[in-house]
Amino acid sequence: MIIDFQRITEEQIFGFKGGEGELLTHNYMDDRARIMRSILKPGARSGLHEHAANCEVIYILQGTMTFHYDGLVEEAKAGEVHYCPIGHSHWFENLTDKDVHYFAVVI
């Protein structure tokens, strides 16, 4: 199966999961997974959220994103992956002046 994000309507979200700022995202969802190609704008952040029944993998395509994971602060730059396993919590933010492009899968 091929997922062509260019054929999926871009969604503009302000305050993703209770956060602040702007997130642009193309989402594919079925009953088992959510697959996203997104852009987190400068100064934007998600809200804190737990992955109680699923896990999330976020691959940074361009830029640097700061993750707050189980009380730790970590930076991931282009080519690196952040992983939030089942039963853990995280939130993320763009502390830079450039867009962060990323690919994420929630399973």
PDB file of N, CA and C in Angstrom:
ATOM      1  N   MET A   1       0.843  -1.180   0.000  1.00  0.00           N
ATOM      2  CA  MET A   1       0.000   0.000   0.000  1.00  0.00           C
ATOM      3  C   MET A   1       0.890   1.244   0.000  1.00  0.00           C
ATOM      4  N   ILE A   2       0.596   2.172  -0.880  1.00  0.00           N
ATOM      5  CA  ILE A   2       1.327   3.440  -0.963  1.00  0.00           C
ATOM      6  C   ILE A   2       0.454   4.535  -0.360  1.00  0.00           C
ATOM      7  N   ILE A   3       1.050   5.344   0.499  1.00  0.00           N
ATOM      8  CA  ILE A   3       0.363   6.501   1.057  1.00  0.00           C
ATOM      9  C   ILE A   3       1.021   7.734   0.454  1.00  0.00           C
ATOM     10  N   ASP A   4       0.267   8.490  -0.315  1.00  0.00           N
ATOM     11  CA  ASP A   4       0.767   9.696  -0.967  1.00  0.00           C
ATOM     12  C   ASP A   4       0.240  10.910  -0.202  1.00  0.00           C
ATOM     13  N   PHE A   5       1.084  11.484   0.648  1.00  0.00           N
ATOM     14  CA  PHE A   5       0.669  12.617   1.474  1.00  0.00           C
ATOM     15  C   PHE A   5       0.253  13.826   0.639  1.00  0.00           C
ATOM     16  N   GLN A   6       0.742  13.919  -0.592  1.00  0.00           N
ATOM     17  CA  GLN A   6       0.354  15.032  -1.456  1.00  0.00           C
ATOM     18  C   GLN A   6      -1.122  14.953  -1.848  1.00  0.00           C
ATOM     19  N   ARG A   7      -1.699  13.761  -1.734  1.00  0.00           N
ATOM     20  CA  ARG A   7      -3.115  13.576  -2.069  1.00  0.00           C
ATOM     21  C   ARG A   7      -4.022  13.670  -0.833  1.00  0.00           C
ATOM     22  N   ILE A   8      -3.410  13.844   0.347  1.00  0.00           N
ATOM     23  CA  ILE A   8      -4.177  13.962   1.594  1.00  0.00           C
ATOM     24  C   ILE A   8      -4.231  15.438   1.968  1.00  0.00           C
ATOM     25  N   THR A   9      -5.410  15.936   2.232  1.00  0.00           N
ATOM     26  CA  THR A   9      -5.605  17.340   2.575  1.00  0.00           C
ATOM     27  C   THR A   9      -4.809  17.713   3.824  1.00  0.00           C
ATOM     28  N   GLU A  10      -4.098  18.824   3.738  1.00  0.00           N
ATOM     29  CA  GLU A  10      -3.344  19.318   4.883  1.00  0.00           C
ATOM     30  C   GLU A  10      -4.309  19.896   5.917  1.00  0.00           C
ATOM     31  N   GLU A  11      -4.065  19.564   7.157  1.00  0.00           N
ATOM     32  CA  GLU A  11      -4.870  20.073   8.268  1.00  0.00           C
ATOM     33  C   GLU A  11      -4.015  21.048   9.067  1.00  0.00           C
ATOM     34  N   GLN A  12      -4.583  22.175   9.440  1.00  0.00           N
ATOM     35  CA  GLN A  12      -3.904  23.181  10.254  1.00  0.00           C
ATOM     36  C   GLN A  12      -4.486  23.085  11.663  1.00  0.00           C
ATOM     37  N   ILE A  13      -3.608  22.808  12.640  1.00  0.00           N
ATOM     38  CA  ILE A  13      -4.049  22.635  14.017  1.00  0.00           C
ATOM     39  C   ILE A  13      -3.348  23.672  14.891  1.00  0.00           C
ATOM     40  N   PHE A  14      -4.119  24.368  15.692  1.00  0.00           N
ATOM     41  CA  PHE A  14      -3.560  25.290  16.677  1.00  0.00           C
ATOM     42  C   PHE A  14      -3.754  24.658  18.053  1.00  0.00           C
ATOM     43  N   GLY A  15      -2.671  24.567  18.822  1.00  0.00           N
ATOM     44  CA  GLY A  15      -2.765  23.989  20.162  1.00  0.00           C
ATOM     45  C   GLY A  15      -2.922  22.484  20.158  1.00  0.00           C
ATOM     46  N   PHE A  16      -2.098  21.780  19.405  1.00  0.00           N
ATOM     47  CA  PHE A  16      -2.153  20.320  19.293  1.00  0.00           C
ATOM     48  C   PHE A  16      -2.075  19.667  20.672  1.00  0.00           C
ATOM     49  N   LYS A  17      -3.062  18.851  20.995  1.00  0.00           N
ATOM     50  CA  LYS A  17      -3.142  18.132  22.275  1.00  0.00           C
ATOM     51  C   LYS A  17      -3.032  19.069  23.474  1.00  0.00           C
ATOM     52  N   GLY A  18      -3.570  20.281  23.328  1.00  0.00           N
ATOM     53  CA  GLY A  18      -3.544  21.244  24.416  1.00  0.00           C
ATOM     54  C   GLY A  18      -2.308  22.116  24.461  1.00  0.00           C
ATOM     55  N   GLY A  19      -1.488  22.044  23.421  1.00  0.00           N
ATOM     56  CA  GLY A  19      -0.259  22.845  23.364  1.00  0.00           C
ATOM     57  C   GLY A  19      -0.535  24.247  22.848  1.00  0.00           C
ATOM     58  N   GLU A  20       0.466  24.815  22.195  1.00  0.00           N
ATOM     59  CA  GLU A  20       0.366  26.170  21.659  1.00  0.00           C
ATOM     60  C   GLU A  20       0.976  26.219  20.272  1.00  0.00           C
ATOM     61  N   GLY A  21       0.546  27.185  19.484  1.00  0.00           N
ATOM     62  CA  GLY A  21       1.137  27.409  18.174  1.00  0.00           C
ATOM     63  C   GLY A  21       0.551  26.521  17.100  1.00  0.00           C
ATOM     64  N   GLU A  22       1.205  26.549  15.941  1.00  0.00           N
ATOM     65  CA  GLU A  22       0.662  25.956  14.724  1.00  0.00           C
ATOM     66  C   GLU A  22       1.371  24.675  14.312  1.00  0.00           C
ATOM     67  N   LEU A  23       0.563  23.684  13.957  1.00  0.00           N
ATOM     68  CA  LEU A  23       1.023  22.414  13.407  1.00  0.00           C
ATOM     69  C   LEU A  23       0.301  22.210  12.083  1.00  0.00           C
ATOM     70  N   LEU A  24       1.045  21.917  11.030  1.00  0.00           N
ATOM     71  CA  LEU A  24       0.474  21.560   9.727  1.00  0.00           C
ATOM     72  C   LEU A  24       0.696  20.074   9.543  1.00  0.00           C
ATOM     73  N   THR A  25      -0.347  19.333   9.169  1.00  0.00           N
ATOM     74  CA  THR A  25      -0.181  17.881   9.115  1.00  0.00           C
ATOM     75  C   THR A  25      -1.038  17.242   8.027  1.00  0.00           C
ATOM     76  N   HIS A  26      -0.492  16.199   7.452  1.00  0.00           N
ATOM     77  CA  HIS A  26      -1.203  15.313   6.522  1.00  0.00           C
ATOM     78  C   HIS A  26      -1.285  13.974   7.248  1.00  0.00           C
ATOM     79  N   ASN A  27      -2.502  13.463   7.479  1.00  0.00           N
ATOM     80  CA  ASN A  27      -2.684  12.246   8.264  1.00  0.00           C
ATOM     81  C   ASN A  27      -3.378  11.148   7.487  1.00  0.00           C
ATOM     82  N   TYR A  28      -2.818   9.954   7.599  1.00  0.00           N
ATOM     83  CA  TYR A  28      -3.502   8.749   7.139  1.00  0.00           C
ATOM     84  C   TYR A  28      -3.854   7.959   8.395  1.00  0.00           C
ATOM     85  N   MET A  29      -5.106   7.516   8.488  1.00  0.00           N
ATOM     86  CA  MET A  29      -5.519   6.720   9.645  1.00  0.00           C
ATOM     87  C   MET A  29      -6.369   5.546   9.186  1.00  0.00           C
ATOM     88  N   ASP A  30      -6.173   4.440   9.871  1.00  0.00           N
ATOM     89  CA  ASP A  30      -7.088   3.320   9.747  1.00  0.00           C
ATOM     90  C   ASP A  30      -7.384   2.831  11.159  1.00  0.00           C
ATOM     91  N   ASP A  31      -7.929   1.634  11.316  1.00  0.00           N
ATOM     92  CA  ASP A  31      -8.293   1.165  12.652  1.00  0.00           C
ATOM     93  C   ASP A  31      -7.098   0.714  13.491  1.00  0.00           C
ATOM     94  N   ARG A  32      -5.885   0.693  12.925  1.00  0.00           N
ATOM     95  CA  ARG A  32      -4.710   0.224  13.665  1.00  0.00           C
ATOM     96  C   ARG A  32      -3.596   1.261  13.792  1.00  0.00           C
ATOM     97  N   ALA A  33      -3.521   2.216  12.882  1.00  0.00           N
ATOM     98  CA  ALA A  33      -2.367   3.121  12.860  1.00  0.00           C
ATOM     99  C   ALA A  33      -2.752   4.523  12.419  1.00  0.00           C
ATOM    100  N   ARG A  34      -1.924   5.461  12.848  1.00  0.00           N
ATOM    101  CA  ARG A  34      -2.004   6.841  12.360  1.00  0.00           C
ATOM    102  C   ARG A  34      -0.613   7.172  11.834  1.00  0.00           C
ATOM    103  N   ILE A  35      -0.540   7.585  10.574  1.00  0.00           N
ATOM    104  CA  ILE A  35       0.726   7.876   9.906  1.00  0.00           C
ATOM    105  C   ILE A  35       0.667   9.323   9.445  1.00  0.00           C
ATOM    106  N   MET A  36       1.671  10.113   9.851  1.00  0.00           N
ATOM    107  CA  MET A  36       1.603  11.559   9.650  1.00  0.00           C
ATOM    108  C   MET A  36       2.887  12.122   9.057  1.00  0.00           C
ATOM    109  N   ARG A  37       2.726  13.091   8.184  1.00  0.00           N
ATOM    110  CA  ARG A  37       3.831  13.947   7.751  1.00  0.00           C
ATOM    111  C   ARG A  37       3.442  15.351   8.189  1.00  0.00           C
ATOM    112  N   SER A  38       4.266  15.963   9.032  1.00  0.00           N
ATOM    113  CA  SER A  38       3.853  17.203   9.678  1.00  0.00           C
ATOM    114  C   SER A  38       4.954  18.242   9.713  1.00  0.00           C
ATOM    115  N   ILE A  39       4.532  19.473   9.979  1.00  0.00           N
ATOM    116  CA  ILE A  39       5.449  20.608  10.173  1.00  0.00           C
ATOM    117  C   ILE A  39       5.040  21.300  11.462  1.00  0.00           C
ATOM    118  N   LEU A  40       5.981  21.388  12.402  1.00  0.00           N
ATOM    119  CA  LEU A  40       5.763  22.130  13.637  1.00  0.00           C
ATOM    120  C   LEU A  40       6.426  23.487  13.463  1.00  0.00           C
ATOM    121  N   LYS A  41       5.628  24.538  13.555  1.00  0.00           N
ATOM    122  CA  LYS A  41       6.106  25.900  13.310  1.00  0.00           C
ATOM    123  C   LYS A  41       6.964  26.398  14.482  1.00  0.00           C
ATOM    124  N   PRO A  42       7.816  27.382  14.232  1.00  0.00           N
ATOM    125  CA  PRO A  42       8.658  27.941  15.298  1.00  0.00           C
ATOM    126  C   PRO A  42       7.804  28.414  16.484  1.00  0.00           C
ATOM    127  N   GLY A  43       8.261  28.062  17.688  1.00  0.00           N
ATOM    128  CA  GLY A  43       7.578  28.455  18.903  1.00  0.00           C
ATOM    129  C   GLY A  43       6.394  27.588  19.287  1.00  0.00           C
ATOM    130  N   ALA A  44       6.011  26.639  18.432  1.00  0.00           N
ATOM    131  CA  ALA A  44       4.855  25.788  18.708  1.00  0.00           C
ATOM    132  C   ALA A  44       5.254  24.597  19.578  1.00  0.00           C
ATOM    133  N   ARG A  45       4.253  24.063  20.277  1.00  0.00           N
ATOM    134  CA  ARG A  45       4.486  22.877  21.101  1.00  0.00           C
ATOM    135  C   ARG A  45       3.202  22.081  21.221  1.00  0.00           C
ATOM    136  N   SER A  46       3.346  20.795  21.467  1.00  0.00           N
ATOM    137  CA  SER A  46       2.195  19.953  21.766  1.00  0.00           C
ATOM    138  C   SER A  46       1.916  20.050  23.262  1.00  0.00           C
ATOM    139  N   GLY A  47       0.788  19.520  23.672  1.00  0.00           N
ATOM    140  CA  GLY A  47       0.520  19.353  25.090  1.00  0.00           C
ATOM    141  C   GLY A  47       1.067  18.017  25.553  1.00  0.00           C
ATOM    142  N   LEU A  48       1.256  17.882  26.852  1.00  0.00           N
ATOM    143  CA  LEU A  48       1.689  16.620  27.435  1.00  0.00           C
ATOM    144  C   LEU A  48       0.595  15.579  27.196  1.00  0.00           C
ATOM    145  N   HIS A  49       1.004  14.402  26.724  1.00  0.00           N
ATOM    146  CA  HIS A  49       0.041  13.327  26.521  1.00  0.00           C
ATOM    147  C   HIS A  49       0.705  11.973  26.740  1.00  0.00           C
ATOM    148  N   GLU A  50      -0.102  11.012  27.203  1.00  0.00           N
ATOM    149  CA  GLU A  50       0.380   9.663  27.477  1.00  0.00           C
ATOM    150  C   GLU A  50      -0.015   8.736  26.336  1.00  0.00           C
ATOM    151  N   HIS A  51       0.874   7.821  26.034  1.00  0.00           N
ATOM    152  CA  HIS A  51       0.577   6.766  25.064  1.00  0.00           C
ATOM    153  C   HIS A  51       0.233   5.502  25.854  1.00  0.00           C
ATOM    154  N   ALA A  52      -0.994   5.466  26.380  1.00  0.00           N
ATOM    155  CA  ALA A  52      -1.432   4.388  27.260  1.00  0.00           C
ATOM    156  C   ALA A  52      -1.666   3.078  26.506  1.00  0.00           C
ATOM    157  N   ALA A  53      -2.146   3.179  25.268  1.00  0.00           N
ATOM    158  CA  ALA A  53      -2.504   1.966  24.521  1.00  0.00           C
ATOM    159  C   ALA A  53      -1.770   1.843  23.197  1.00  0.00           C
ATOM    160  N   ASN A  54      -0.841   2.772  22.929  1.00  0.00           N
ATOM    161  CA  ASN A  54      -0.098   2.726  21.666  1.00  0.00           C
ATOM    162  C   ASN A  54       1.294   3.320  21.883  1.00  0.00           C
ATOM    163  N   CYS A  55       2.107   3.265  20.853  1.00  0.00           N
ATOM    164  CA  CYS A  55       3.436   3.882  20.898  1.00  0.00           C
ATOM    165  C   CYS A  55       3.563   4.842  19.723  1.00  0.00           C
ATOM    166  N   GLU A  56       4.569   5.732  19.805  1.00  0.00           N
ATOM    167  CA  GLU A  56       4.774   6.699  18.733  1.00  0.00           C
ATOM    168  C   GLU A  56       6.250   6.764  18.370  1.00  0.00           C
ATOM    169  N   VAL A  57       6.506   6.800  17.077  1.00  0.00           N
ATOM    170  CA  VAL A  57       7.845   6.975  16.528  1.00  0.00           C
ATOM    171  C   VAL A  57       7.827   8.263  15.716  1.00  0.00           C
ATOM    172  N   ILE A  58       8.759   9.182  16.006  1.00  0.00           N
ATOM    173  CA  ILE A  58       8.838  10.453  15.283  1.00  0.00           C
ATOM    174  C   ILE A  58      10.225  10.574  14.676  1.00  0.00           C
ATOM    175  N   TYR A  59      10.289  10.621  13.349  1.00  0.00           N
ATOM    176  CA  TYR A  59      11.540  10.751  12.604  1.00  0.00           C
ATOM    177  C   TYR A  59      11.655  12.194  12.119  1.00  0.00           C
ATOM    178  N   ILE A  60      12.712  12.872  12.509  1.00  0.00           N
ATOM    179  CA  ILE A  60      12.915  14.266  12.129  1.00  0.00           C
ATOM    180  C   ILE A  60      13.512  14.318  10.722  1.00  0.00           C
ATOM    181  N   LEU A  61      12.788  14.953   9.812  1.00  0.00           N
ATOM    182  CA  LEU A  61      13.235  15.098   8.430  1.00  0.00           C
ATOM    183  C   LEU A  61      14.091  16.348   8.240  1.00  0.00           C
ATOM    184  N   GLN A  62      13.717  17.419   8.936  1.00  0.00           N
ATOM    185  CA  GLN A  62      14.412  18.705   8.785  1.00  0.00           C
ATOM    186  C   GLN A  62      14.210  19.516  10.058  1.00  0.00           C
ATOM    187  N   GLY A  63      15.284  20.084  10.569  1.00  0.00           N
ATOM    188  CA  GLY A  63      15.210  20.924  11.752  1.00  0.00           C
ATOM    189  C   GLY A  63      15.571  20.177  13.021  1.00  0.00           C
ATOM    190  N   THR A  64      15.271  20.810  14.154  1.00  0.00           N
ATOM    191  CA  THR A  64      15.555  20.244  15.478  1.00  0.00           C
ATOM    192  C   THR A  64      14.319  20.403  16.348  1.00  0.00           C
ATOM    193  N   MET A  65      13.897  19.303  16.981  1.00  0.00           N
ATOM    194  CA  MET A  65      12.739  19.323  17.867  1.00  0.00           C
ATOM    195  C   MET A  65      13.191  18.931  19.271  1.00  0.00           C
ATOM    196  N   THR A  66      12.622  19.602  20.263  1.00  0.00           N
ATOM    197  CA  THR A  66      12.913  19.292  21.660  1.00  0.00           C
ATOM    198  C   THR A  66      11.774  18.451  22.213  1.00  0.00           C
ATOM    199  N   PHE A  67      12.128  17.316  22.834  1.00  0.00           N
ATOM    200  CA  PHE A  67      11.158  16.389  23.407  1.00  0.00           C
ATOM    201  C   PHE A  67      11.285  16.386  24.920  1.00  0.00           C
ATOM    202  N   HIS A  68      10.148  16.342  25.582  1.00  0.00           N
ATOM    203  CA  HIS A  68      10.074  16.201  27.027  1.00  0.00           C
ATOM    204  C   HIS A  68       9.443  14.832  27.251  1.00  0.00           C
ATOM    205  N   TYR A  69      10.267  13.878  27.661  1.00  0.00           N
ATOM    206  CA  TYR A  69       9.885  12.470  27.707  1.00  0.00           C
ATOM    207  C   TYR A  69      10.113  11.930  29.112  1.00  0.00           C
ATOM    208  N   ASP A  70       9.041  11.569  29.797  1.00  0.00           N
ATOM    209  CA  ASP A  70       9.132  11.023  31.161  1.00  0.00           C
ATOM    210  C   ASP A  70      10.024  11.879  32.055  1.00  0.00           C
ATOM    211  N   GLY A  71       9.906  13.189  31.930  1.00  0.00           N
ATOM    212  CA  GLY A  71      10.673  14.092  32.775  1.00  0.00           C
ATOM    213  C   GLY A  71      12.044  14.455  32.247  1.00  0.00           C
ATOM    214  N   LEU A  72      12.490  13.829  31.169  1.00  0.00           N
ATOM    215  CA  LEU A  72      13.784  14.150  30.549  1.00  0.00           C
ATOM    216  C   LEU A  72      13.578  15.126  29.402  1.00  0.00           C
ATOM    217  N   VAL A  73      14.605  15.906  29.098  1.00  0.00           N
ATOM    218  CA  VAL A  73      14.564  16.804  27.942  1.00  0.00           C
ATOM    219  C   VAL A  73      15.613  16.310  26.950  1.00  0.00           C
ATOM    220  N   GLU A  74      15.183  16.072  25.706  1.00  0.00           N
ATOM    221  CA  GLU A  74      16.059  15.549  24.659  1.00  0.00           C
ATOM    222  C   GLU A  74      15.836  16.336  23.376  1.00  0.00           C
ATOM    223  N   GLU A  75      16.895  16.555  22.624  1.00  0.00           N
ATOM    224  CA  GLU A  75      16.791  17.191  21.305  1.00  0.00           C
ATOM    225  C   GLU A  75      17.026  16.150  20.230  1.00  0.00           C
ATOM    226  N   ALA A  76      16.190  16.187  19.206  1.00  0.00           N
ATOM    227  CA  ALA A  76      16.380  15.318  18.042  1.00  0.00           C
ATOM    228  C   ALA A  76      16.500  16.202  16.819  1.00  0.00           C
ATOM    229  N   LYS A  77      17.519  15.929  16.018  1.00  0.00           N
ATOM    230  CA  LYS A  77      17.736  16.711  14.799  1.00  0.00           C
ATOM    231  C   LYS A  77      17.502  15.822  13.586  1.00  0.00           C
ATOM    232  N   ALA A  78      17.551  16.426  12.414  1.00  0.00           N
ATOM    233  CA  ALA A  78      17.293  15.704  11.167  1.00  0.00           C
ATOM    234  C   ALA A  78      18.089  14.402  11.126  1.00  0.00           C
ATOM    235  N   GLY A  79      17.388  13.320  10.808  1.00  0.00           N
ATOM    236  CA  GLY A  79      18.000  12.003  10.729  1.00  0.00           C
ATOM    237  C   GLY A  79      17.893  11.205  12.016  1.00  0.00           C
ATOM    238  N   GLU A  80      17.383  11.818  13.088  1.00  0.00           N
ATOM    239  CA  GLU A  80      17.234  11.116  14.359  1.00  0.00           C
ATOM    240  C   GLU A  80      15.765  10.815  14.637  1.00  0.00           C
ATOM    241  N   VAL A  81      15.548   9.865  15.548  1.00  0.00           N
ATOM    242  CA  VAL A  81      14.206   9.385  15.863  1.00  0.00           C
ATOM    243  C   VAL A  81      13.946   9.518  17.356  1.00  0.00           C
ATOM    244  N   HIS A  82      12.745   9.973  17.692  1.00  0.00           N
ATOM    245  CA  HIS A  82      12.254   9.945  19.070  1.00  0.00           C
ATOM    246  C   HIS A  82      11.235   8.817  19.153  1.00  0.00           C
ATOM    247  N   TYR A  83      11.321   8.027  20.230  1.00  0.00           N
ATOM    248  CA  TYR A  83      10.400   6.909  20.427  1.00  0.00           C
ATOM    249  C   TYR A  83       9.721   7.064  21.786  1.00  0.00           C
ATOM    250  N   CYS A  84       8.403   6.987  21.804  1.00  0.00           N
ATOM    251  CA  CYS A  84       7.628   7.016  23.039  1.00  0.00           C
ATOM    252  C   CYS A  84       6.852   5.702  23.126  1.00  0.00           C
ATOM    253  N   PRO A  85       7.329   4.750  23.946  1.00  0.00           N
ATOM    254  CA  PRO A  85       6.669   3.447  24.029  1.00  0.00           C
ATOM    255  C   PRO A  85       5.337   3.488  24.781  1.00  0.00           C
ATOM    256  N   ILE A  86       4.603   2.411  24.686  1.00  0.00           N
ATOM    257  CA  ILE A  86       3.339   2.255  25.409  1.00  0.00           C
ATOM    258  C   ILE A  86       3.585   2.498  26.893  1.00  0.00           C
ATOM    259  N   GLY A  87       2.672   3.267  27.503  1.00  0.00           N
ATOM    260  CA  GLY A  87       2.750   3.515  28.934  1.00  0.00           C
ATOM    261  C   GLY A  87       3.607   4.700  29.325  1.00  0.00           C
ATOM    262  N   HIS A  88       4.135   5.437  28.347  1.00  0.00           N
ATOM    263  CA  HIS A  88       4.990   6.591  28.628  1.00  0.00           C
ATOM    264  C   HIS A  88       4.322   7.875  28.135  1.00  0.00           C
ATOM    265  N   SER A  89       4.832   8.998  28.632  1.00  0.00           N
ATOM    266  CA  SER A  89       4.278  10.308  28.288  1.00  0.00           C
ATOM    267  C   SER A  89       5.342  11.183  27.649  1.00  0.00           C
ATOM    268  N   HIS A  90       4.885  12.107  26.800  1.00  0.00           N
ATOM    269  CA  HIS A  90       5.812  13.069  26.210  1.00  0.00           C
ATOM    270  C   HIS A  90       5.063  14.295  25.720  1.00  0.00           C
ATOM    271  N   TRP A  91       5.832  15.314  25.433  1.00  0.00           N
ATOM    272  CA  TRP A  91       5.367  16.475  24.675  1.00  0.00           C
ATOM    273  C   TRP A  91       6.578  16.998  23.933  1.00  0.00           C
ATOM    274  N   PHE A  92       6.334  17.782  22.891  1.00  0.00           N
ATOM    275  CA  PHE A  92       7.446  18.257  22.069  1.00  0.00           C
ATOM    276  C   PHE A  92       7.240  19.708  21.700  1.00  0.00           C
ATOM    277  N   GLU A  93       8.360  20.358  21.355  1.00  0.00           N
ATOM    278  CA  GLU A  93       8.295  21.775  21.006  1.00  0.00           C
ATOM    279  C   GLU A  93       9.379  22.128  20.001  1.00  0.00           C
ATOM    280  N   ASN A  94       9.122  23.214  19.295  1.00  0.00           N
ATOM    281  CA  ASN A  94      10.077  23.760  18.337  1.00  0.00           C
ATOM    282  C   ASN A  94      10.622  25.054  18.935  1.00  0.00           C
ATOM    283  N   LEU A  95      11.815  24.972  19.490  1.00  0.00           N
ATOM    284  CA  LEU A  95      12.457  26.128  20.117  1.00  0.00           C
ATOM    285  C   LEU A  95      13.306  26.930  19.140  1.00  0.00           C
ATOM    286  N   THR A  96      13.260  26.575  17.858  1.00  0.00           N
ATOM    287  CA  THR A  96      14.086  27.242  16.854  1.00  0.00           C
ATOM    288  C   THR A  96      13.263  28.271  16.083  1.00  0.00           C
ATOM    289  N   ASP A  97      13.932  28.968  15.168  1.00  0.00           N
ATOM    290  CA  ASP A  97      13.230  29.943  14.327  1.00  0.00           C
ATOM    291  C   ASP A  97      12.921  29.381  12.939  1.00  0.00           C
ATOM    292  N   LYS A  98      13.037  28.048  12.788  1.00  0.00           N
ATOM    293  CA  LYS A  98      12.758  27.385  11.510  1.00  0.00           C
ATOM    294  C   LYS A  98      11.717  26.289  11.716  1.00  0.00           C
ATOM    295  N   ASP A  99      10.974  25.979  10.656  1.00  0.00           N
ATOM    296  CA  ASP A  99      10.012  24.880  10.698  1.00  0.00           C
ATOM    297  C   ASP A  99      10.724  23.564  10.985  1.00  0.00           C
ATOM    298  N   VAL A 100      10.062  22.681  11.732  1.00  0.00           N
ATOM    299  CA  VAL A 100      10.539  21.309  11.914  1.00  0.00           C
ATOM    300  C   VAL A 100       9.625  20.402  11.101  1.00  0.00           C
ATOM    301  N   HIS A 101      10.211  19.678  10.168  1.00  0.00           N
ATOM    302  CA  HIS A 101       9.472  18.712   9.348  1.00  0.00           C
ATOM    303  C   HIS A 101       9.719  17.334   9.938  1.00  0.00           C
ATOM    304  N   TYR A 102       8.630  16.566  10.120  1.00  0.00           N
ATOM    305  CA  TYR A 102       8.809  15.239  10.685  1.00  0.00           C
ATOM    306  C   TYR A 102       7.769  14.258  10.156  1.00  0.00           C
ATOM    307  N   PHE A 103       8.104  12.999  10.314  1.00  0.00           N
ATOM    308  CA  PHE A 103       7.251  11.884   9.940  1.00  0.00           C
ATOM    309  C   PHE A 103       6.971  11.102  11.220  1.00  0.00           C
ATOM    310  N   ALA A 104       5.717  10.799  11.487  1.00  0.00           N
ATOM    311  CA  ALA A 104       5.388  10.089  12.737  1.00  0.00           C
ATOM    312  C   ALA A 104       4.423   8.947  12.461  1.00  0.00           C
ATOM    313  N   VAL A 105       4.575   7.890  13.268  1.00  0.00           N
ATOM    314  CA  VAL A 105       3.687   6.741  13.212  1.00  0.00           C
ATOM    315  C   VAL A 105       3.246   6.425  14.626  1.00  0.00           C
ATOM    316  N   VAL A 106       1.929   6.320  14.819  1.00  0.00           N
ATOM    317  CA  VAL A 106       1.362   5.893  16.088  1.00  0.00           C
ATOM    318  C   VAL A 106       0.690   4.552  15.834  1.00  0.00           C
ATOM    319  N   ILE A 107       1.127   3.537  16.560  1.00  0.00           N
ATOM    320  CA  ILE A 107       0.576   2.184  16.381  1.00  0.00           C
ATOM    321  C   ILE A 107       0.128   1.664  17.742  1.00  0.00           C
TER     322      ILE A 107
END
